[in-house]
């Protein structure tokens, strides 16, 4: 098994291998590896046209399970 070089590659590998397994449990809510992978893809697409590779960004938000992506 090849180890990923960055965190998001590891999460993508987990989404392929364990797509429908629970990745995150928060109270009565469940997020599968597929859910997290798809949400991170949507977030990346939303920011792709606004952020250049060398840009630095900061995010400030409340503590919610949806923000794990």
C-alpha atoms as a PDB file:
ATOM      1  CA  UNK A   1       0.000   0.000   0.000  1.00  0.00           C
ATOM      2  CA  UNK A   2       1.314   3.430  -0.953  1.00  0.00           C
ATOM      3  CA  UNK A   3       1.087   6.122   1.693  1.00  0.00           C
ATOM      4  CA  UNK A   4      -0.257   9.502   0.584  1.00  0.00           C
ATOM      5  CA  UNK A   5       2.083  12.473   0.619  1.00  0.00           C
ATOM      6  CA  UNK A   6      -0.607  14.973   1.663  1.00  0.00           C
ATOM      7  CA  UNK A   7      -3.707  14.709   3.832  1.00  0.00           C
ATOM      8  CA  UNK A   8      -6.278  15.256   1.086  1.00  0.00           C
ATOM      9  CA  UNK A   9      -4.773  12.402  -0.957  1.00  0.00           C
ATOM     10  CA  UNK A  10      -5.275  10.107   2.018  1.00  0.00           C
ATOM     11  CA  UNK A  11      -8.879  11.181   2.386  1.00  0.00           C
ATOM     12  CA  UNK A  12      -9.464  10.623  -1.341  1.00  0.00           C
ATOM     13  CA  UNK A  13      -7.965   7.124  -1.062  1.00  0.00           C
ATOM     14  CA  UNK A  14     -10.265   6.393   1.899  1.00  0.00           C
ATOM     15  CA  UNK A  15     -13.267   7.687  -0.073  1.00  0.00           C
ATOM     16  CA  UNK A  16     -12.492   5.278  -2.893  1.00  0.00           C
ATOM     17  CA  UNK A  17     -11.882   2.327  -0.610  1.00  0.00           C
ATOM     18  CA  UNK A  18     -14.546   2.944   2.051  1.00  0.00           C
ATOM     19  CA  UNK A  19     -17.043   5.180   0.202  1.00  0.00           C
ATOM     20  CA  UNK A  20     -20.146   4.362   2.219  1.00  0.00           C
ATOM     21  CA  UNK A  21     -18.543   3.795   5.617  1.00  0.00           C
ATOM     22  CA  UNK A  22     -18.925   6.384   8.353  1.00  0.00           C
ATOM     23  CA  UNK A  23     -16.063   8.858   8.407  1.00  0.00           C
ATOM     24  CA  UNK A  24     -17.535  11.330  10.880  1.00  0.00           C
ATOM     25  CA  UNK A  25     -20.235  10.936  13.511  1.00  0.00           C
ATOM     26  CA  UNK A  26     -21.609  14.084  15.131  1.00  0.00           C
ATOM     27  CA  UNK A  27     -24.570  13.567  17.406  1.00  0.00           C
ATOM     28  CA  UNK A  28     -27.265  11.981  15.266  1.00  0.00           C
ATOM     29  CA  UNK A  29     -25.572  12.994  11.999  1.00  0.00           C
ATOM     30  CA  UNK A  30     -23.384  10.689   9.918  1.00  0.00           C
ATOM     31  CA  UNK A  31     -21.004  11.627   7.132  1.00  0.00           C
ATOM     32  CA  UNK A  32     -19.547   8.934   4.892  1.00  0.00           C
ATOM     33  CA  UNK A  33     -16.137   9.137   3.271  1.00  0.00           C
ATOM     34  CA  UNK A  34     -17.976   9.790   0.000  1.00  0.00           C
ATOM     35  CA  UNK A  35     -19.902  12.684   1.609  1.00  0.00           C
ATOM     36  CA  UNK A  36     -16.673  14.312   2.799  1.00  0.00           C
ATOM     37  CA  UNK A  37     -14.930  13.760  -0.528  1.00  0.00           C
ATOM     38  CA  UNK A  38     -17.798  15.284  -2.509  1.00  0.00           C
ATOM     39  CA  UNK A  39     -18.082  18.238  -0.129  1.00  0.00           C
ATOM     40  CA  UNK A  40     -14.353  18.952  -0.363  1.00  0.00           C
ATOM     41  CA  UNK A  41     -14.560  18.819  -4.175  1.00  0.00           C
ATOM     42  CA  UNK A  42     -17.402  21.357  -4.134  1.00  0.00           C
ATOM     43  CA  UNK A  43     -15.470  23.663  -1.824  1.00  0.00           C
ATOM     44  CA  UNK A  44     -12.322  23.415  -3.950  1.00  0.00           C
ATOM     45  CA  UNK A  45     -14.297  24.198  -7.105  1.00  0.00           C
ATOM     46  CA  UNK A  46     -15.923  27.210  -5.472  1.00  0.00           C
ATOM     47  CA  UNK A  47     -12.556  28.692  -4.527  1.00  0.00           C
ATOM     48  CA  UNK A  48     -10.526  27.584  -7.570  1.00  0.00           C
ATOM     49  CA  UNK A  49     -11.264  30.697  -9.613  1.00  0.00           C
ATOM     50  CA  UNK A  50     -10.636  33.060  -6.692  1.00  0.00           C
ATOM     51  CA  UNK A  51      -7.477  31.711  -5.072  1.00  0.00           C
ATOM     52  CA  UNK A  52      -4.083  31.297  -6.723  1.00  0.00           C
ATOM     53  CA  UNK A  53      -1.741  28.448  -5.662  1.00  0.00           C
ATOM     54  CA  UNK A  54       0.544  30.771  -3.658  1.00  0.00           C
ATOM     55  CA  UNK A  55      -2.290  32.664  -1.936  1.00  0.00           C
ATOM     56  CA  UNK A  56      -2.771  32.351   1.791  1.00  0.00           C
ATOM     57  CA  UNK A  57      -6.236  32.238   3.234  1.00  0.00           C
ATOM     58  CA  UNK A  58      -7.701  32.079   6.718  1.00  0.00           C
ATOM     59  CA  UNK A  59     -11.069  30.664   7.673  1.00  0.00           C
ATOM     60  CA  UNK A  60     -12.960  31.585  10.812  1.00  0.00           C
ATOM     61  CA  UNK A  61     -16.149  29.731  11.565  1.00  0.00           C
ATOM     62  CA  UNK A  62     -18.149  28.124  14.330  1.00  0.00           C
ATOM     63  CA  UNK A  63     -17.427  24.541  15.321  1.00  0.00           C
ATOM     64  CA  UNK A  64     -19.722  22.371  13.172  1.00  0.00           C
ATOM     65  CA  UNK A  65     -19.233  18.944  11.607  1.00  0.00           C
ATOM     66  CA  UNK A  66     -19.858  20.322   8.103  1.00  0.00           C
ATOM     67  CA  UNK A  67     -16.684  22.387   8.357  1.00  0.00           C
ATOM     68  CA  UNK A  68     -14.413  19.346   8.517  1.00  0.00           C
ATOM     69  CA  UNK A  69     -13.946  19.625   4.761  1.00  0.00           C
END
